[in-house]
Amino acid sequence: MDEPAPAPDRGGKAGKREKPGRKARAPRPGRRPRKERHTGAGSWFVMLCVVAVLGAWLYSLFGGRGY
């Protein structure tokens, strides 16, 4: 009697189809495509923190007097 409600659309590409005959959107005229990706300063800081924590953990395991 009670039919389950259809699942909500998650917004992925799997369920969406483009209309036939529709072309891809042209890039904006004011922007140039980037040739290379550069790692931002925030990403370098995060990587430095991860390496520091890993180094401190390894030092606590192997760098102490007891080892």
Protein backbone atom coordinates (compact mmCIF):
# COMPACT_ATOMS: atom_id res chain seq x y z
CA MET A 1 0.00 0.00 0.00
CA ASP A 2 2.63 2.55 1.03
CA GLU A 3 5.22 3.01 -1.66
CA PRO A 4 8.68 4.13 -0.55
CA ALA A 5 9.66 7.65 -1.52
CA PRO A 6 12.23 7.91 -4.29
CA ALA A 7 15.78 8.52 -3.16
CA PRO A 8 16.85 12.17 -3.27
CA ASP A 9 19.20 13.21 -6.04
CA ARG A 10 22.75 13.43 -4.71
CA GLY A 11 23.86 15.84 -7.42
CA GLY A 12 26.33 13.42 -9.01
CA LYS A 13 26.91 12.97 -12.70
CA ALA A 14 25.68 9.37 -12.68
CA GLY A 15 22.02 10.34 -12.65
CA LYS A 16 22.25 13.42 -14.82
CA ARG A 17 22.31 13.42 -18.57
CA GLU A 18 23.00 16.35 -20.80
CA LYS A 19 20.38 17.40 -23.24
CA PRO A 20 21.11 16.17 -26.75
CA GLY A 21 22.62 18.80 -28.98
CA ARG A 22 23.94 20.89 -26.11
CA LYS A 23 27.58 21.90 -26.42
CA ALA A 24 30.08 22.31 -23.62
CA ARG A 25 30.32 25.75 -22.08
CA ALA A 26 33.06 27.94 -23.52
CA PRO A 27 35.70 29.21 -21.08
CA ARG A 28 35.36 32.75 -19.79
CA PRO A 29 37.23 35.22 -21.98
CA GLY A 30 38.97 37.03 -19.10
CA ARG A 31 40.73 33.98 -17.64
CA ARG A 32 43.77 32.11 -18.88
CA PRO A 33 44.05 28.41 -18.10
CA ARG A 34 46.86 27.57 -15.68
CA LYS A 35 49.67 25.59 -17.22
CA GLU A 36 51.04 24.28 -13.92
CA ARG A 37 49.63 23.71 -10.47
CA HIS A 38 51.57 25.25 -7.64
CA THR A 39 51.27 24.09 -4.06
CA GLY A 40 49.96 26.91 -1.90
CA ALA A 41 51.62 28.15 1.29
CA GLY A 42 48.86 26.68 3.44
CA SER A 43 49.45 23.22 1.99
CA TRP A 44 53.19 23.51 2.65
CA PHE A 45 52.46 24.50 6.26
CA VAL A 46 50.18 21.50 6.77
CA MET A 47 52.77 19.14 5.27
CA LEU A 48 55.47 20.66 7.51
CA CYS A 49 53.28 20.12 10.59
CA VAL A 50 52.61 16.50 9.62
CA VAL A 51 56.34 15.86 9.15
CA ALA A 52 57.10 17.52 12.50
CA VAL A 53 54.54 15.39 14.34
CA LEU A 54 55.79 12.25 12.62
CA GLY A 55 59.38 13.15 13.52
CA ALA A 56 58.44 13.79 17.16
CA TRP A 57 56.63 10.45 17.31
CA LEU A 58 59.58 8.57 15.80
CA TYR A 59 61.96 10.34 18.18
CA SER A 60 59.82 9.29 21.13
CA LEU A 61 60.01 5.69 19.93
CA PHE A 62 63.64 5.40 18.89
CA GLY A 63 65.48 8.50 20.10
CA GLY A 64 65.19 8.07 23.83
CA ARG A 65 67.86 6.74 26.21
CA GLY A 66 66.12 3.41 26.69
CA TYR A 67 66.47 2.24 23.11
